[in-house]
């Protein structure tokens, strides 16, 4: 979608494994002289009662968010990956990591893991001038949200939306928060989870 007008280098990698992710990010970043920041926004949904949740489900969920985030962070800690003036790492989390929700145990666990990892990374990477934060989003109207909605009756979705004081969000709502956290405007912010949820967690 960037076309030919914006200089960019596409890199296609399966980011489910932390080691593969670390190597790929390091190689790509060093090749362009280092990066200013990284936003990790990948993830999968899972709505499943705990009695039906197996190890394979956990592996899949953690491989979509926790493991690659760890790999990216490891790459950012290496010489030549982040430019000398420092940079920022923003990880996608979820309001599900802050509030309990039936059927979302595995998903919530993965997002709580992201937030815990983010806080320790903020401490460890601060001497390198690297800020680390996460975004806990509420329900955002994306393809993933659509798949989740298709599994619930209309009444349940209406009740879920009603819990968001400002209604369901849009991708741009999260993107704007990510841009802010990656920018110099957030130079004094690290180790925090920014809640972007339309008022979901305030109730």
C-alpha atoms as a PDB file:
ATOM      1  CA  UNK A   1       0.000   0.000   0.000  1.00  0.00           C
ATOM      2  CA  UNK A   2       3.004   2.322   0.379  1.00  0.00           C
ATOM      3  CA  UNK A   3       3.517   2.234  -3.382  1.00  0.00           C
ATOM      4  CA  UNK A   4       6.660   3.747  -4.865  1.00  0.00           C
ATOM      5  CA  UNK A   5       6.412   7.232  -3.371  1.00  0.00           C
ATOM      6  CA  UNK A   6       7.492   6.288   0.159  1.00  0.00           C
ATOM      7  CA  UNK A   7      10.933   4.685   0.604  1.00  0.00           C
ATOM      8  CA  UNK A   8      10.456   1.362   2.376  1.00  0.00           C
ATOM      9  CA  UNK A   9      11.826  -2.147   2.568  1.00  0.00           C
ATOM     10  CA  UNK A  10       9.244  -4.925   2.942  1.00  0.00           C
ATOM     11  CA  UNK A  11      10.349  -7.959   4.909  1.00  0.00           C
ATOM     12  CA  UNK A  12       8.085 -11.001   5.170  1.00  0.00           C
ATOM     13  CA  UNK A  13       8.829 -13.230   8.153  1.00  0.00           C
ATOM     14  CA  UNK A  14       6.875 -15.683  10.297  1.00  0.00           C
ATOM     15  CA  UNK A  15       7.096 -14.007  13.707  1.00  0.00           C
ATOM     16  CA  UNK A  16       5.781 -16.886  15.836  1.00  0.00           C
ATOM     17  CA  UNK A  17       9.221 -17.810  17.148  1.00  0.00           C
ATOM     18  CA  UNK A  18      11.199 -15.419  19.362  1.00  0.00           C
ATOM     19  CA  UNK A  19      14.604 -16.454  17.999  1.00  0.00           C
ATOM     20  CA  UNK A  20      13.589 -16.175  14.339  1.00  0.00           C
ATOM     21  CA  UNK A  21      11.976 -12.815  15.058  1.00  0.00           C
ATOM     22  CA  UNK A  22      15.073 -11.452  16.813  1.00  0.00           C
ATOM     23  CA  UNK A  23      17.349 -12.467  13.934  1.00  0.00           C
ATOM     24  CA  UNK A  24      15.025 -11.063  11.251  1.00  0.00           C
ATOM     25  CA  UNK A  25      14.513  -7.726  13.007  1.00  0.00           C
ATOM     26  CA  UNK A  26      18.227  -7.308  13.664  1.00  0.00           C
ATOM     27  CA  UNK A  27      19.135  -8.056  10.047  1.00  0.00           C
ATOM     28  CA  UNK A  28      16.498  -5.720   8.601  1.00  0.00           C
ATOM     29  CA  UNK A  29      17.284  -2.870  10.999  1.00  0.00           C
ATOM     30  CA  UNK A  30      21.051  -3.005  10.591  1.00  0.00           C
ATOM     31  CA  UNK A  31      20.634  -3.061   6.793  1.00  0.00           C
ATOM     32  CA  UNK A  32      18.954   0.369   6.872  1.00  0.00           C
ATOM     33  CA  UNK A  33      21.250   1.938   9.451  1.00  0.00           C
ATOM     34  CA  UNK A  34      19.068   1.346  12.495  1.00  0.00           C
ATOM     35  CA  UNK A  35      15.476   2.145  13.406  1.00  0.00           C
ATOM     36  CA  UNK A  36      13.776   4.890  15.417  1.00  0.00           C
ATOM     37  CA  UNK A  37      10.938   2.738  16.661  1.00  0.00           C
ATOM     38  CA  UNK A  38       8.899  -0.424  16.311  1.00  0.00           C
ATOM     39  CA  UNK A  39       5.180  -1.087  16.734  1.00  0.00           C
ATOM     40  CA  UNK A  40       4.207  -4.717  17.217  1.00  0.00           C
ATOM     41  CA  UNK A  41       0.503  -5.088  16.494  1.00  0.00           C
ATOM     42  CA  UNK A  42       0.022  -8.738  15.566  1.00  0.00           C
ATOM     43  CA  UNK A  43      -2.350 -10.957  17.483  1.00  0.00           C
ATOM     44  CA  UNK A  44      -5.042 -13.608  17.299  1.00  0.00           C
ATOM     45  CA  UNK A  45      -8.423 -13.858  18.968  1.00  0.00           C
ATOM     46  CA  UNK A  46      -9.657 -16.793  21.009  1.00  0.00           C
ATOM     47  CA  UNK A  47     -13.059 -17.102  22.665  1.00  0.00           C
ATOM     48  CA  UNK A  48     -13.083 -20.469  24.401  1.00  0.00           C
ATOM     49  CA  UNK A  49     -14.164 -21.707  27.847  1.00  0.00           C
ATOM     50  CA  UNK A  50     -11.293 -22.790  30.083  1.00  0.00           C
ATOM     51  CA  UNK A  51     -12.612 -26.389  30.161  1.00  0.00           C
ATOM     52  CA  UNK A  52     -12.040 -26.578  26.392  1.00  0.00           C
ATOM     53  CA  UNK A  53      -8.717 -24.721  26.258  1.00  0.00           C
ATOM     54  CA  UNK A  54      -5.751 -26.978  25.488  1.00  0.00           C
ATOM     55  CA  UNK A  55      -1.998 -26.449  25.427  1.00  0.00           C
ATOM     56  CA  UNK A  56      -2.143 -26.021  21.644  1.00  0.00           C
ATOM     57  CA  UNK A  57      -4.493 -23.047  22.092  1.00  0.00           C
ATOM     58  CA  UNK A  58      -2.094 -21.435  24.559  1.00  0.00           C
ATOM     59  CA  UNK A  59       0.874 -22.002  22.267  1.00  0.00           C
ATOM     60  CA  UNK A  60      -0.944 -20.395  19.339  1.00  0.00           C
ATOM     61  CA  UNK A  61      -2.075 -17.334  21.285  1.00  0.00           C
ATOM     62  CA  UNK A  62       1.302 -16.700  22.925  1.00  0.00           C
ATOM     63  CA  UNK A  63       3.074 -17.272  19.592  1.00  0.00           C
ATOM     64  CA  UNK A  64       1.063 -14.445  18.036  1.00  0.00           C
ATOM     65  CA  UNK A  65       1.891 -11.742  20.572  1.00  0.00           C
ATOM     66  CA  UNK A  66       4.193 -12.637  23.473  1.00  0.00           C
ATOM     67  CA  UNK A  67       6.945 -14.587  21.700  1.00  0.00           C
ATOM     68  CA  UNK A  68       7.443 -12.168  18.781  1.00  0.00           C
ATOM     69  CA  UNK A  69       7.353  -9.157  21.119  1.00  0.00           C
ATOM     70  CA  UNK A  70      10.103 -10.810  23.150  1.00  0.00           C
ATOM     71  CA  UNK A  71      12.106 -11.445  19.979  1.00  0.00           C
ATOM     72  CA  UNK A  72      11.711  -7.856  18.787  1.00  0.00           C
ATOM     73  CA  UNK A  73      12.821  -6.576  22.181  1.00  0.00           C
ATOM     74  CA  UNK A  74      15.883  -8.794  22.126  1.00  0.00           C
ATOM     75  CA  UNK A  75      16.793  -7.451  18.704  1.00  0.00           C
ATOM     76  CA  UNK A  76      16.368  -3.854  19.876  1.00  0.00           C
ATOM     77  CA  UNK A  77      18.805  -4.507  22.711  1.00  0.00           C
ATOM     78  CA  UNK A  78      21.568  -5.402  20.245  1.00  0.00           C
ATOM     79  CA  UNK A  79      24.155  -3.018  18.854  1.00  0.00           C
ATOM     80  CA  UNK A  80      23.267  -1.239  15.623  1.00  0.00           C
ATOM     81  CA  UNK A  81      19.542  -2.028  15.683  1.00  0.00           C
ATOM     82  CA  UNK A  82      18.314   1.205  17.310  1.00  0.00           C
ATOM     83  CA  UNK A  83      19.960   4.455  16.273  1.00  0.00           C
ATOM     84  CA  UNK A  84      22.347   6.078  18.745  1.00  0.00           C
ATOM     85  CA  UNK A  85      19.866   8.808  19.668  1.00  0.00           C
ATOM     86  CA  UNK A  86      17.494   6.163  21.009  1.00  0.00           C
ATOM     87  CA  UNK A  87      14.046   5.034  20.014  1.00  0.00           C
ATOM     88  CA  UNK A  88      10.760   3.493  21.101  1.00  0.00           C
ATOM     89  CA  UNK A  89       9.014   0.135  21.169  1.00  0.00           C
ATOM     90  CA  UNK A  90       5.216  -0.034  21.383  1.00  0.00           C
ATOM     91  CA  UNK A  91       3.490  -3.370  21.937  1.00  0.00           C
ATOM     92  CA  UNK A  92      -0.177  -4.068  21.291  1.00  0.00           C
ATOM     93  CA  UNK A  93      -1.961  -5.214  24.422  1.00  0.00           C
ATOM     94  CA  UNK A  94      -5.666  -5.314  25.259  1.00  0.00           C
ATOM     95  CA  UNK A  95      -8.210  -4.256  27.820  1.00  0.00           C
ATOM     96  CA  UNK A  96      -8.728  -8.010  28.216  1.00  0.00           C
ATOM     97  CA  UNK A  97      -5.446  -8.055  30.118  1.00  0.00           C
ATOM     98  CA  UNK A  98      -6.898  -5.571  32.607  1.00  0.00           C
ATOM     99  CA  UNK A  99     -10.468  -6.825  33.018  1.00  0.00           C
ATOM    100  CA  UNK A 100     -11.868 -10.317  33.342  1.00  0.00           C
ATOM    101  CA  UNK A 101     -14.014 -11.677  30.539  1.00  0.00           C
ATOM    102  CA  UNK A 102     -15.601 -15.127  30.359  1.00  0.00           C
ATOM    103  CA  UNK A 103     -14.123 -17.313  27.640  1.00  0.00           C
ATOM    104  CA  UNK A 104     -11.017 -15.160  27.206  1.00  0.00           C
ATOM    105  CA  UNK A 105      -8.655 -16.727  29.745  1.00  0.00           C
ATOM    106  CA  UNK A 106      -5.897 -17.638  27.285  1.00  0.00           C
ATOM    107  CA  UNK A 107      -6.163 -14.349  25.374  1.00  0.00           C
ATOM    108  CA  UNK A 108      -6.204 -12.309  28.586  1.00  0.00           C
ATOM    109  CA  UNK A 109      -3.186 -14.201  29.905  1.00  0.00           C
ATOM    110  CA  UNK A 110      -1.197 -13.393  26.774  1.00  0.00           C
ATOM    111  CA  UNK A 111      -1.997  -9.683  27.007  1.00  0.00           C
ATOM    112  CA  UNK A 112      -1.215  -9.543  30.729  1.00  0.00           C
ATOM    113  CA  UNK A 113       2.113 -11.179  29.845  1.00  0.00           C
ATOM    114  CA  UNK A 114       2.754  -8.460  27.256  1.00  0.00           C
ATOM    115  CA  UNK A 115       2.165  -5.725  29.830  1.00  0.00           C
ATOM    116  CA  UNK A 116       4.395  -7.386  32.425  1.00  0.00           C
ATOM    117  CA  UNK A 117       7.155  -7.871  29.875  1.00  0.00           C
ATOM    118  CA  UNK A 118       6.815  -4.245  28.748  1.00  0.00           C
ATOM    119  CA  UNK A 119       7.434  -2.893  32.244  1.00  0.00           C
ATOM    120  CA  UNK A 120      10.624  -4.887  32.732  1.00  0.00           C
ATOM    121  CA  UNK A 121      11.821  -3.995  29.234  1.00  0.00           C
ATOM    122  CA  UNK A 122      11.307  -0.310  30.013  1.00  0.00           C
ATOM    123  CA  UNK A 123      13.700  -0.644  32.956  1.00  0.00           C
ATOM    124  CA  UNK A 124      16.274  -2.720  31.091  1.00  0.00           C
ATOM    125  CA  UNK A 125      16.348  -0.670  27.888  1.00  0.00           C
ATOM    126  CA  UNK A 126      16.178   2.826  29.407  1.00  0.00           C
ATOM    127  CA  UNK A 127      19.988   3.141  29.620  1.00  0.00           C
ATOM    128  CA  UNK A 128      20.046   2.677  25.836  1.00  0.00           C
ATOM    129  CA  UNK A 129      17.540   5.510  25.387  1.00  0.00           C
ATOM    130  CA  UNK A 130      14.821   3.091  24.310  1.00  0.00           C
ATOM    131  CA  UNK A 131      11.316   3.725  25.622  1.00  0.00           C
ATOM    132  CA  UNK A 132       8.881   0.799  25.896  1.00  0.00           C
ATOM    133  CA  UNK A 133       5.108   1.112  26.270  1.00  0.00           C
ATOM    134  CA  UNK A 134       1.982  -0.862  25.450  1.00  0.00           C
ATOM    135  CA  UNK A 135      -1.519   0.003  24.271  1.00  0.00           C
ATOM    136  CA  UNK A 136      -4.482  -1.705  25.935  1.00  0.00           C
ATOM    137  CA  UNK A 137      -7.223  -1.404  23.362  1.00  0.00           C
ATOM    138  CA  UNK A 138     -10.884  -2.125  23.777  1.00  0.00           C
ATOM    139  CA  UNK A 139     -12.995  -3.615  20.994  1.00  0.00           C
ATOM    140  CA  UNK A 140     -11.839  -2.178  17.664  1.00  0.00           C
ATOM    141  CA  UNK A 141     -13.740  -2.843  14.449  1.00  0.00           C
ATOM    142  CA  UNK A 142     -11.217  -4.922  12.551  1.00  0.00           C
ATOM    143  CA  UNK A 143     -11.317  -8.256  10.731  1.00  0.00           C
ATOM    144  CA  UNK A 144     -10.435  -9.966  14.014  1.00  0.00           C
ATOM    145  CA  UNK A 145     -13.340  -8.196  15.711  1.00  0.00           C
ATOM    146  CA  UNK A 146     -15.612  -9.320  12.901  1.00  0.00           C
ATOM    147  CA  UNK A 147     -14.648 -12.956  13.392  1.00  0.00           C
ATOM    148  CA  UNK A 148     -15.354 -12.650  17.103  1.00  0.00           C
ATOM    149  CA  UNK A 149     -18.702 -10.971  16.449  1.00  0.00           C
ATOM    150  CA  UNK A 150     -19.752 -13.809  14.148  1.00  0.00           C
ATOM    151  CA  UNK A 151     -19.526 -16.250  17.055  1.00  0.00           C
ATOM    152  CA  UNK A 152     -21.822 -14.282  19.363  1.00  0.00           C
ATOM    153  CA  UNK A 153     -25.571 -13.655  19.191  1.00  0.00           C
ATOM    154  CA  UNK A 154     -26.607 -10.070  18.316  1.00  0.00           C
ATOM    155  CA  UNK A 155     -27.830  -9.370  21.846  1.00  0.00           C
ATOM    156  CA  UNK A 156     -24.442 -10.298  23.293  1.00  0.00           C
ATOM    157  CA  UNK A 157     -22.629  -8.004  20.855  1.00  0.00           C
ATOM    158  CA  UNK A 158     -25.010  -5.142  21.663  1.00  0.00           C
ATOM    159  CA  UNK A 159     -24.338  -5.607  25.370  1.00  0.00           C
ATOM    160  CA  UNK A 160     -20.587  -5.725  24.700  1.00  0.00           C
ATOM    161  CA  UNK A 161     -20.704  -2.485  22.695  1.00  0.00           C
ATOM    162  CA  UNK A 162     -22.777  -0.829  25.421  1.00  0.00           C
ATOM    163  CA  UNK A 163     -19.891  -1.438  27.836  1.00  0.00           C
ATOM    164  CA  UNK A 164     -17.775   0.870  25.645  1.00  0.00           C
ATOM    165  CA  UNK A 165     -18.941   4.357  26.608  1.00  0.00           C
ATOM    166  CA  UNK A 166     -17.872   5.756  23.241  1.00  0.00           C
ATOM    167  CA  UNK A 167     -18.841   2.680  21.232  1.00  0.00           C
ATOM    168  CA  UNK A 168     -16.468   0.361  19.413  1.00  0.00           C
ATOM    169  CA  UNK A 169     -13.224   1.902  18.194  1.00  0.00           C
ATOM    170  CA  UNK A 170     -11.628   2.164  14.761  1.00  0.00           C
ATOM    171  CA  UNK A 171      -8.119   1.213  13.677  1.00  0.00           C
ATOM    172  CA  UNK A 172      -7.146   4.882  13.410  1.00  0.00           C
ATOM    173  CA  UNK A 173      -7.910   5.352  17.110  1.00  0.00           C
ATOM    174  CA  UNK A 174      -5.197   2.870  18.010  1.00  0.00           C
ATOM    175  CA  UNK A 175      -2.860   4.017  15.249  1.00  0.00           C
ATOM    176  CA  UNK A 176      -2.961   7.588  16.569  1.00  0.00           C
ATOM    177  CA  UNK A 177      -1.988   6.378  20.041  1.00  0.00           C
ATOM    178  CA  UNK A 178       0.856   4.323  18.587  1.00  0.00           C
ATOM    179  CA  UNK A 179       2.162   7.255  16.555  1.00  0.00           C
ATOM    180  CA  UNK A 180       2.134   9.419  19.673  1.00  0.00           C
ATOM    181  CA  UNK A 181       4.041   6.868  21.778  1.00  0.00           C
ATOM    182  CA  UNK A 182       6.615   6.398  19.016  1.00  0.00           C
ATOM    183  CA  UNK A 183       7.087  10.145  18.527  1.00  0.00           C
ATOM    184  CA  UNK A 184       9.295  12.662  20.349  1.00  0.00           C
ATOM    185  CA  UNK A 185       6.101  14.044  21.911  1.00  0.00           C
ATOM    186  CA  UNK A 186       6.196  11.002  24.230  1.00  0.00           C
ATOM    187  CA  UNK A 187       9.893  11.380  25.086  1.00  0.00           C
ATOM    188  CA  UNK A 188       9.176  11.245  28.854  1.00  0.00           C
ATOM    189  CA  UNK A 189       6.831   8.261  28.776  1.00  0.00           C
ATOM    190  CA  UNK A 190       8.057   4.710  29.318  1.00  0.00           C
ATOM    191  CA  UNK A 191       6.896   1.629  31.175  1.00  0.00           C
ATOM    192  CA  UNK A 192       3.215   2.479  30.894  1.00  0.00           C
ATOM    193  CA  UNK A 193       0.129   0.869  29.424  1.00  0.00           C
ATOM    194  CA  UNK A 194      -1.929   3.449  27.555  1.00  0.00           C
ATOM    195  CA  UNK A 195      -5.600   2.512  27.739  1.00  0.00           C
ATOM    196  CA  UNK A 196      -7.402   3.250  24.459  1.00  0.00           C
ATOM    197  CA  UNK A 197     -10.750   1.570  24.995  1.00  0.00           C
ATOM    198  CA  UNK A 198     -13.628   4.017  24.564  1.00  0.00           C
ATOM    199  CA  UNK A 199     -14.298   3.904  28.280  1.00  0.00           C
ATOM    200  CA  UNK A 200     -14.585   0.099  28.579  1.00  0.00           C
ATOM    201  CA  UNK A 201     -12.368  -0.312  31.655  1.00  0.00           C
ATOM    202  CA  UNK A 202     -13.668   2.732  33.533  1.00  0.00           C
ATOM    203  CA  UNK A 203     -16.952   1.029  34.378  1.00  0.00           C
END
